[in-house]
């Protein structure tokens, strides 16, 4: 993908942060289930996706305005920018 197609938030990612934890930290605290996991590229927290009942990563974005997440699912190599609604594979 050419750089001009990427938003400034995605261009700012030089190294993708991935978590060794394969759990949603908020779901664990509240004994809840999740579907897929995402890792915040600003702070490194791993939380559940919007297909999960509680959508903890989107809640994290609204609370912190950390713009970019990466899939924390094995075999998936992509980033999503919330404010620009931009997607990129890496």
PDB file of N, CA and C in Angstrom:
ATOM      1  N   UNK A   1       0.848  -1.175   0.000  1.00  0.00           N
ATOM      2  CA  UNK A   1       0.000   0.000   0.000  1.00  0.00           C
ATOM      3  C   UNK A   1       0.897   1.242   0.000  1.00  0.00           C
ATOM      4  N   UNK A   2       0.591   2.168  -0.862  1.00  0.00           N
ATOM      5  CA  UNK A   2       1.380   3.397  -0.976  1.00  0.00           C
ATOM      6  C   UNK A   2       1.134   4.306   0.228  1.00  0.00           C
ATOM      7  N   UNK A   3       2.186   5.035   0.632  1.00  0.00           N
ATOM      8  CA  UNK A   3       2.090   5.908   1.799  1.00  0.00           C
ATOM      9  C   UNK A   3       0.975   6.943   1.683  1.00  0.00           C
ATOM     10  N   UNK A   4       0.714   7.464   0.482  1.00  0.00           N
ATOM     11  CA  UNK A   4      -0.306   8.506   0.349  1.00  0.00           C
ATOM     12  C   UNK A   4      -1.705   7.979   0.666  1.00  0.00           C
ATOM     13  N   UNK A   5      -1.890   6.674   0.691  1.00  0.00           N
ATOM     14  CA  UNK A   5      -3.183   6.087   1.012  1.00  0.00           C
ATOM     15  C   UNK A   5      -3.379   5.944   2.523  1.00  0.00           C
ATOM     16  N   UNK A   6      -2.320   6.121   3.283  1.00  0.00           N
ATOM     17  CA  UNK A   6      -2.380   5.945   4.726  1.00  0.00           C
ATOM     18  C   UNK A   6      -2.591   7.278   5.424  1.00  0.00           C
ATOM     19  N   UNK A   7      -3.367   7.256   6.488  1.00  0.00           N
ATOM     20  CA  UNK A   7      -3.559   8.469   7.282  1.00  0.00           C
ATOM     21  C   UNK A   7      -2.315   8.722   8.136  1.00  0.00           C
ATOM     22  N   UNK A   8      -2.228   9.895   8.718  1.00  0.00           N
ATOM     23  CA  UNK A   8      -1.067  10.261   9.545  1.00  0.00           C
ATOM     24  C   UNK A   8      -0.925   9.347  10.757  1.00  0.00           C
ATOM     25  N   UNK A   9      -2.051   8.899  11.327  1.00  0.00           N
ATOM     26  CA  UNK A   9      -1.978   8.014  12.491  1.00  0.00           C
ATOM     27  C   UNK A   9      -1.335   6.680  12.125  1.00  0.00           C
ATOM     28  N   UNK A  10      -1.706   6.124  10.985  1.00  0.00           N
ATOM     29  CA  UNK A  10      -1.118   4.856  10.555  1.00  0.00           C
ATOM     30  C   UNK A  10       0.341   5.033  10.161  1.00  0.00           C
ATOM     31  N   UNK A  11       0.659   6.147   9.518  1.00  0.00           N
ATOM     32  CA  UNK A  11       2.052   6.410   9.143  1.00  0.00           C
ATOM     33  C   UNK A  11       2.954   6.549  10.364  1.00  0.00           C
ATOM     34  N   UNK A  12       2.391   6.967  11.483  1.00  0.00           N
ATOM     35  CA  UNK A  12       3.182   7.154  12.705  1.00  0.00           C
ATOM     36  C   UNK A  12       3.573   5.825  13.356  1.00  0.00           C
ATOM     37  N   UNK A  13       2.935   4.734  12.981  1.00  0.00           N
ATOM     38  CA  UNK A  13       3.251   3.415  13.562  1.00  0.00           C
ATOM     39  C   UNK A  13       4.510   2.880  12.903  1.00  0.00           C
ATOM     40  N   UNK A  14       5.570   2.780  13.668  1.00  0.00           N
ATOM     41  CA  UNK A  14       6.839   2.268  13.145  1.00  0.00           C
ATOM     42  C   UNK A  14       7.036   0.801  13.511  1.00  0.00           C
ATOM     43  N   UNK A  15       6.563   0.423  14.693  1.00  0.00           N
ATOM     44  CA  UNK A  15       6.625  -0.964  15.159  1.00  0.00           C
ATOM     45  C   UNK A  15       5.263  -1.317  15.725  1.00  0.00           C
ATOM     46  N   UNK A  16       4.685  -2.400  15.239  1.00  0.00           N
ATOM     47  CA  UNK A  16       3.367  -2.812  15.718  1.00  0.00           C
ATOM     48  C   UNK A  16       3.512  -3.484  17.075  1.00  0.00           C
ATOM     49  N   UNK A  17       2.741  -2.977  18.042  1.00  0.00           N
ATOM     50  CA  UNK A  17       2.720  -3.559  19.386  1.00  0.00           C
ATOM     51  C   UNK A  17       1.760  -4.734  19.390  1.00  0.00           C
ATOM     52  N   UNK A  18       2.245  -5.872  19.853  1.00  0.00           N
ATOM     53  CA  UNK A  18       1.400  -7.045  20.012  1.00  0.00           C
ATOM     54  C   UNK A  18       1.506  -7.521  21.450  1.00  0.00           C
ATOM     55  N   UNK A  19       0.458  -8.097  21.934  1.00  0.00           N
ATOM     56  CA  UNK A  19       0.416  -8.544  23.325  1.00  0.00           C
ATOM     57  C   UNK A  19       0.691 -10.032  23.418  1.00  0.00           C
ATOM     58  N   UNK A  20       1.361 -10.425  24.480  1.00  0.00           N
ATOM     59  CA  UNK A  20       1.530 -11.850  24.772  1.00  0.00           C
ATOM     60  C   UNK A  20       0.296 -12.398  25.468  1.00  0.00           C
ATOM     61  N   UNK A  21      -0.533 -11.485  26.001  1.00  0.00           N
ATOM     62  CA  UNK A  21      -1.772 -11.891  26.656  1.00  0.00           C
ATOM     63  C   UNK A  21      -2.825 -12.132  25.586  1.00  0.00           C
ATOM     64  N   UNK A  22      -3.505 -13.238  25.681  1.00  0.00           N
ATOM     65  CA  UNK A  22      -4.546 -13.546  24.708  1.00  0.00           C
ATOM     66  C   UNK A  22      -5.900 -13.513  25.396  1.00  0.00           C
ATOM     67  N   UNK A  23      -6.105 -12.409  26.152  1.00  0.00           N
ATOM     68  CA  UNK A  23      -7.360 -12.205  26.881  1.00  0.00           C
ATOM     69  C   UNK A  23      -7.727 -10.730  26.817  1.00  0.00           C
ATOM     70  N   UNK A  24      -9.016 -10.455  26.948  1.00  0.00           N
ATOM     71  CA  UNK A  24      -9.475  -9.083  27.118  1.00  0.00           C
ATOM     72  C   UNK A  24      -9.366  -8.770  28.605  1.00  0.00           C
ATOM     73  N   UNK A  25      -8.537  -7.802  28.936  1.00  0.00           N
ATOM     74  CA  UNK A  25      -8.302  -7.469  30.346  1.00  0.00           C
ATOM     75  C   UNK A  25      -9.585  -7.058  31.061  1.00  0.00           C
ATOM     76  N   UNK A  26     -10.469  -6.316  30.383  1.00  0.00           N
ATOM     77  CA  UNK A  26     -11.724  -5.882  31.005  1.00  0.00           C
ATOM     78  C   UNK A  26     -12.706  -7.037  31.146  1.00  0.00           C
ATOM     79  N   UNK A  27     -12.799  -7.892  30.141  1.00  0.00           N
ATOM     80  CA  UNK A  27     -13.698  -9.050  30.247  1.00  0.00           C
ATOM     81  C   UNK A  27     -13.276  -9.961  31.394  1.00  0.00           C
ATOM     82  N   UNK A  28     -11.971 -10.144  31.564  1.00  0.00           N
ATOM     83  CA  UNK A  28     -11.474 -10.983  32.667  1.00  0.00           C
ATOM     84  C   UNK A  28     -11.895 -10.384  34.005  1.00  0.00           C
ATOM     85  N   UNK A  29     -11.752  -9.073  34.163  1.00  0.00           N
ATOM     86  CA  UNK A  29     -12.123  -8.412  35.424  1.00  0.00           C
ATOM     87  C   UNK A  29     -13.579  -8.636  35.784  1.00  0.00           C
ATOM     88  N   UNK A  30     -14.452  -8.708  34.758  1.00  0.00           N
ATOM     89  CA  UNK A  30     -15.896  -8.778  34.992  1.00  0.00           C
ATOM     90  C   UNK A  30     -16.495 -10.137  34.640  1.00  0.00           C
ATOM     91  N   UNK A  31     -15.621 -11.154  34.448  1.00  0.00           N
ATOM     92  CA  UNK A  31     -16.060 -12.515  34.134  1.00  0.00           C
ATOM     93  C   UNK A  31     -16.983 -12.539  32.910  1.00  0.00           C
ATOM     94  N   UNK A  32     -16.541 -11.871  31.833  1.00  0.00           N
ATOM     95  CA  UNK A  32     -17.310 -11.785  30.593  1.00  0.00           C
ATOM     96  C   UNK A  32     -16.578 -12.523  29.478  1.00  0.00           C
ATOM     97  N   UNK A  33     -17.294 -12.794  28.398  1.00  0.00           N
ATOM     98  CA  UNK A  33     -16.725 -13.462  27.233  1.00  0.00           C
ATOM     99  C   UNK A  33     -16.420 -12.450  26.139  1.00  0.00           C
ATOM    100  N   UNK A  34     -15.509 -12.800  25.239  1.00  0.00           N
ATOM    101  CA  UNK A  34     -15.176 -11.952  24.102  1.00  0.00           C
ATOM    102  C   UNK A  34     -15.090 -12.815  22.855  1.00  0.00           C
ATOM    103  N   UNK A  35     -15.043 -12.140  21.690  1.00  0.00           N
ATOM    104  CA  UNK A  35     -14.962 -12.832  20.406  1.00  0.00           C
ATOM    105  C   UNK A  35     -13.539 -12.749  19.852  1.00  0.00           C
ATOM    106  N   UNK A  36     -13.069 -11.526  19.562  1.00  0.00           N
ATOM    107  CA  UNK A  36     -11.727 -11.306  19.022  1.00  0.00           C
ATOM    108  C   UNK A  36     -11.030 -10.226  19.839  1.00  0.00           C
ATOM    109  N   UNK A  37      -9.708 -10.188  19.728  1.00  0.00           N
ATOM    110  CA  UNK A  37      -8.924  -9.244  20.511  1.00  0.00           C
ATOM    111  C   UNK A  37      -8.190  -8.248  19.626  1.00  0.00           C
ATOM    112  N   UNK A  38      -8.010  -7.039  20.175  1.00  0.00           N
ATOM    113  CA  UNK A  38      -7.292  -5.961  19.502  1.00  0.00           C
ATOM    114  C   UNK A  38      -6.305  -5.352  20.493  1.00  0.00           C
ATOM    115  N   UNK A  39      -5.171  -4.861  19.986  1.00  0.00           N
ATOM    116  CA  UNK A  39      -4.158  -4.244  20.839  1.00  0.00           C
ATOM    117  C   UNK A  39      -4.004  -2.777  20.464  1.00  0.00           C
ATOM    118  N   UNK A  40      -4.121  -1.913  21.462  1.00  0.00           N
ATOM    119  CA  UNK A  40      -3.948  -0.472  21.279  1.00  0.00           C
ATOM    120  C   UNK A  40      -2.488  -0.189  20.944  1.00  0.00           C
ATOM    121  N   UNK A  41      -2.264   0.591  19.903  1.00  0.00           N
ATOM    122  CA  UNK A  41      -0.904   0.890  19.484  1.00  0.00           C
ATOM    123  C   UNK A  41      -0.295   2.068  20.237  1.00  0.00           C
ATOM    124  N   UNK A  42      -1.064   2.717  21.080  1.00  0.00           N
ATOM    125  CA  UNK A  42      -0.531   3.788  21.915  1.00  0.00           C
ATOM    126  C   UNK A  42      -0.044   3.228  23.249  1.00  0.00           C
ATOM    127  N   UNK A  43      -0.904   2.483  23.934  1.00  0.00           N
ATOM    128  CA  UNK A  43      -0.564   2.035  25.290  1.00  0.00           C
ATOM    129  C   UNK A  43      -0.334   0.531  25.415  1.00  0.00           C
ATOM    130  N   UNK A  44      -0.691  -0.246  24.391  1.00  0.00           N
ATOM    131  CA  UNK A  44      -0.418  -1.678  24.398  1.00  0.00           C
ATOM    132  C   UNK A  44      -1.464  -2.549  25.068  1.00  0.00           C
ATOM    133  N   UNK A  45      -2.556  -1.971  25.571  1.00  0.00           N
ATOM    134  CA  UNK A  45      -3.589  -2.779  26.214  1.00  0.00           C
ATOM    135  C   UNK A  45      -4.304  -3.639  25.158  1.00  0.00           C
ATOM    136  N   UNK A  46      -4.670  -4.852  25.534  1.00  0.00           N
ATOM    137  CA  UNK A  46      -5.413  -5.738  24.652  1.00  0.00           C
ATOM    138  C   UNK A  46      -6.827  -5.884  25.185  1.00  0.00           C
ATOM    139  N   UNK A  47      -7.797  -5.598  24.307  1.00  0.00           N
ATOM    140  CA  UNK A  47      -9.212  -5.626  24.683  1.00  0.00           C
ATOM    141  C   UNK A  47     -10.026  -6.246  23.550  1.00  0.00           C
ATOM    142  N   UNK A  48     -11.306  -6.482  23.811  1.00  0.00           N
ATOM    143  CA  UNK A  48     -12.167  -7.161  22.841  1.00  0.00           C
ATOM    144  C   UNK A  48     -12.681  -6.220  21.748  1.00  0.00           C
ATOM    145  N   UNK A  49     -13.039  -6.837  20.629  1.00  0.00           N
ATOM    146  CA  UNK A  49     -13.490  -6.108  19.436  1.00  0.00           C
ATOM    147  C   UNK A  49     -14.979  -5.790  19.480  1.00  0.00           C
ATOM    148  N   UNK A  50     -15.454  -5.141  18.418  1.00  0.00           N
ATOM    149  CA  UNK A  50     -16.860  -4.756  18.339  1.00  0.00           C
ATOM    150  C   UNK A  50     -17.801  -5.926  18.099  1.00  0.00           C
ATOM    151  N   UNK A  51     -17.290  -7.079  17.719  1.00  0.00           N
ATOM    152  CA  UNK A  51     -18.134  -8.278  17.612  1.00  0.00           C
ATOM    153  C   UNK A  51     -18.386  -8.888  18.988  1.00  0.00           C
ATOM    154  N   UNK A  52     -17.638  -8.450  19.971  1.00  0.00           N
ATOM    155  CA  UNK A  52     -17.799  -8.926  21.348  1.00  0.00           C
ATOM    156  C   UNK A  52     -18.913  -8.128  22.032  1.00  0.00           C
ATOM    157  N   UNK A  53     -19.586  -8.725  23.008  1.00  0.00           N
ATOM    158  CA  UNK A  53     -20.732  -8.059  23.640  1.00  0.00           C
ATOM    159  C   UNK A  53     -20.437  -6.683  24.236  1.00  0.00           C
ATOM    160  N   UNK A  54     -19.237  -6.483  24.779  1.00  0.00           N
ATOM    161  CA  UNK A  54     -18.975  -5.246  25.511  1.00  0.00           C
ATOM    162  C   UNK A  54     -18.081  -4.252  24.773  1.00  0.00           C
ATOM    163  N   UNK A  55     -17.540  -4.627  23.640  1.00  0.00           N
ATOM    164  CA  UNK A  55     -16.788  -3.716  22.764  1.00  0.00           C
ATOM    165  C   UNK A  55     -15.775  -2.873  23.544  1.00  0.00           C
ATOM    166  N   UNK A  56     -14.970  -3.538  24.357  1.00  0.00           N
ATOM    167  CA  UNK A  56     -14.067  -2.804  25.239  1.00  0.00           C
ATOM    168  C   UNK A  56     -13.026  -1.965  24.505  1.00  0.00           C
ATOM    169  N   UNK A  57     -12.540  -2.408  23.330  1.00  0.00           N
ATOM    170  CA  UNK A  57     -11.529  -1.598  22.646  1.00  0.00           C
ATOM    171  C   UNK A  57     -12.136  -0.296  22.136  1.00  0.00           C
ATOM    172  N   UNK A  58     -13.344  -0.319  21.631  1.00  0.00           N
ATOM    173  CA  UNK A  58     -13.975   0.920  21.184  1.00  0.00           C
ATOM    174  C   UNK A  58     -14.244   1.831  22.379  1.00  0.00           C
ATOM    175  N   UNK A  59     -14.632   1.260  23.505  1.00  0.00           N
ATOM    176  CA  UNK A  59     -14.806   2.063  24.719  1.00  0.00           C
ATOM    177  C   UNK A  59     -13.477   2.706  25.116  1.00  0.00           C
ATOM    178  N   UNK A  60     -12.389   1.941  24.995  1.00  0.00           N
ATOM    179  CA  UNK A  60     -11.050   2.459  25.301  1.00  0.00           C
ATOM    180  C   UNK A  60     -10.718   3.639  24.380  1.00  0.00           C
ATOM    181  N   UNK A  61     -11.017   3.511  23.098  1.00  0.00           N
ATOM    182  CA  UNK A  61     -10.759   4.609  22.163  1.00  0.00           C
ATOM    183  C   UNK A  61     -11.537   5.865  22.573  1.00  0.00           C
ATOM    184  N   UNK A  62     -12.816   5.718  22.884  1.00  0.00           N
ATOM    185  CA  UNK A  62     -13.628   6.885  23.249  1.00  0.00           C
ATOM    186  C   UNK A  62     -13.134   7.535  24.548  1.00  0.00           C
ATOM    187  N   UNK A  63     -12.611   6.740  25.455  1.00  0.00           N
ATOM    188  CA  UNK A  63     -12.116   7.276  26.732  1.00  0.00           C
ATOM    189  C   UNK A  63     -10.740   7.923  26.601  1.00  0.00           C
ATOM    190  N   UNK A  64      -9.886   7.373  25.721  1.00  0.00           N
ATOM    191  CA  UNK A  64      -8.489   7.814  25.658  1.00  0.00           C
ATOM    192  C   UNK A  64      -8.113   8.561  24.385  1.00  0.00           C
ATOM    193  N   UNK A  65      -8.876   8.349  23.327  1.00  0.00           N
ATOM    194  CA  UNK A  65      -8.574   8.887  21.997  1.00  0.00           C
ATOM    195  C   UNK A  65      -7.270   8.334  21.430  1.00  0.00           C
ATOM    196  N   UNK A  66      -6.866   7.140  21.876  1.00  0.00           N
ATOM    197  CA  UNK A  66      -5.733   6.444  21.252  1.00  0.00           C
ATOM    198  C   UNK A  66      -6.226   5.965  19.888  1.00  0.00           C
ATOM    199  N   UNK A  67      -5.636   6.427  18.797  1.00  0.00           N
ATOM    200  CA  UNK A  67      -6.264   6.276  17.484  1.00  0.00           C
ATOM    201  C   UNK A  67      -6.160   4.915  16.790  1.00  0.00           C
ATOM    202  N   UNK A  68      -5.065   4.168  17.002  1.00  0.00           N
ATOM    203  CA  UNK A  68      -4.820   2.986  16.167  1.00  0.00           C
ATOM    204  C   UNK A  68      -4.782   1.715  16.995  1.00  0.00           C
ATOM    205  N   UNK A  69      -5.432   0.674  16.445  1.00  0.00           N
ATOM    206  CA  UNK A  69      -5.390  -0.660  17.040  1.00  0.00           C
ATOM    207  C   UNK A  69      -4.852  -1.648  16.014  1.00  0.00           C
ATOM    208  N   UNK A  70      -4.359  -2.766  16.519  1.00  0.00           N
ATOM    209  CA  UNK A  70      -3.944  -3.879  15.659  1.00  0.00           C
ATOM    210  C   UNK A  70      -4.725  -5.108  16.072  1.00  0.00           C
ATOM    211  N   UNK A  71      -4.999  -5.959  15.107  1.00  0.00           N
ATOM    212  CA  UNK A  71      -5.606  -7.238  15.465  1.00  0.00           C
ATOM    213  C   UNK A  71      -4.619  -8.012  16.324  1.00  0.00           C
ATOM    214  N   UNK A  72      -5.131  -8.634  17.370  1.00  0.00           N
ATOM    215  CA  UNK A  72      -4.299  -9.491  18.228  1.00  0.00           C
ATOM    216  C   UNK A  72      -4.587 -10.959  17.939  1.00  0.00           C
ATOM    217  N   UNK A  73      -5.267 -11.213  16.825  1.00  0.00           N
ATOM    218  CA  UNK A  73      -5.604 -12.576  16.437  1.00  0.00           C
ATOM    219  C   UNK A  73      -4.463 -13.180  15.622  1.00  0.00           C
ATOM    220  N   UNK A  74      -4.127 -14.430  15.910  1.00  0.00           N
ATOM    221  CA  UNK A  74      -3.068 -15.122  15.179  1.00  0.00           C
ATOM    222  C   UNK A  74      -3.407 -15.170  13.692  1.00  0.00           C
ATOM    223  N   UNK A  75      -2.422 -14.854  12.875  1.00  0.00           N
ATOM    224  CA  UNK A  75      -2.593 -14.893  11.433  1.00  0.00           C
ATOM    225  C   UNK A  75      -3.175 -13.622  10.833  1.00  0.00           C
ATOM    226  N   UNK A  76      -3.623 -12.694  11.653  1.00  0.00           N
ATOM    227  CA  UNK A  76      -4.149 -11.420  11.158  1.00  0.00           C
ATOM    228  C   UNK A  76      -3.086 -10.350  11.359  1.00  0.00           C
ATOM    229  N   UNK A  77      -2.812  -9.597  10.305  1.00  0.00           N
ATOM    230  CA  UNK A  77      -1.790  -8.549  10.358  1.00  0.00           C
ATOM    231  C   UNK A  77      -2.369  -7.280   9.773  1.00  0.00           C
ATOM    232  N   UNK A  78      -3.182  -6.598  10.580  1.00  0.00           N
ATOM    233  CA  UNK A  78      -3.789  -5.357  10.120  1.00  0.00           C
ATOM    234  C   UNK A  78      -3.917  -4.347  11.247  1.00  0.00           C
ATOM    235  N   UNK A  79      -4.057  -3.089  10.827  1.00  0.00           N
ATOM    236  CA  UNK A  79      -4.230  -1.951  11.724  1.00  0.00           C
ATOM    237  C   UNK A  79      -5.517  -1.235  11.351  1.00  0.00           C
ATOM    238  N   UNK A  80      -6.153  -0.600  12.340  1.00  0.00           N
ATOM    239  CA  UNK A  80      -7.354   0.197  12.117  1.00  0.00           C
ATOM    240  C   UNK A  80      -7.173   1.523  12.839  1.00  0.00           C
ATOM    241  N   UNK A  81      -7.461   2.611  12.134  1.00  0.00           N
ATOM    242  CA  UNK A  81      -7.426   3.947  12.712  1.00  0.00           C
ATOM    243  C   UNK A  81      -8.862   4.389  12.946  1.00  0.00           C
ATOM    244  N   UNK A  82      -9.228   4.579  14.209  1.00  0.00           N
ATOM    245  CA  UNK A  82     -10.594   5.001  14.552  1.00  0.00           C
ATOM    246  C   UNK A  82     -10.972   6.369  13.974  1.00  0.00           C
ATOM    247  N   UNK A  83     -10.192   7.436  14.214  1.00  0.00           N
ATOM    248  CA  UNK A  83     -10.666   8.752  13.766  1.00  0.00           C
ATOM    249  C   UNK A  83     -10.761   8.888  12.242  1.00  0.00           C
ATOM    250  N   UNK A  84      -9.872   8.227  11.518  1.00  0.00           N
ATOM    251  CA  UNK A  84      -9.868   8.347  10.056  1.00  0.00           C
ATOM    252  C   UNK A  84     -10.583   7.182   9.372  1.00  0.00           C
ATOM    253  N   UNK A  85     -11.043   6.209  10.162  1.00  0.00           N
ATOM    254  CA  UNK A  85     -11.693   5.002   9.639  1.00  0.00           C
ATOM    255  C   UNK A  85     -10.852   4.411   8.509  1.00  0.00           C
ATOM    256  N   UNK A  86      -9.552   4.264   8.794  1.00  0.00           N
ATOM    257  CA  UNK A  86      -8.598   3.772   7.802  1.00  0.00           C
ATOM    258  C   UNK A  86      -8.056   2.413   8.231  1.00  0.00           C
ATOM    259  N   UNK A  87      -7.869   1.541   7.262  1.00  0.00           N
ATOM    260  CA  UNK A  87      -7.415   0.177   7.454  1.00  0.00           C
ATOM    261  C   UNK A  87      -6.113  -0.021   6.698  1.00  0.00           C
ATOM    262  N   UNK A  88      -5.192  -0.774   7.289  1.00  0.00           N
ATOM    263  CA  UNK A  88      -3.948  -1.099   6.574  1.00  0.00           C
ATOM    264  C   UNK A  88      -3.476  -2.468   7.024  1.00  0.00           C
ATOM    265  N   UNK A  89      -3.015  -3.245   6.067  1.00  0.00           N
ATOM    266  CA  UNK A  89      -2.350  -4.502   6.382  1.00  0.00           C
ATOM    267  C   UNK A  89      -0.860  -4.218   6.534  1.00  0.00           C
ATOM    268  N   UNK A  90      -0.195  -5.035   7.334  1.00  0.00           N
ATOM    269  CA  UNK A  90       1.254  -4.856   7.474  1.00  0.00           C
ATOM    270  C   UNK A  90       1.962  -6.175   7.345  1.00  0.00           C
TER     271      UNK A  90
END
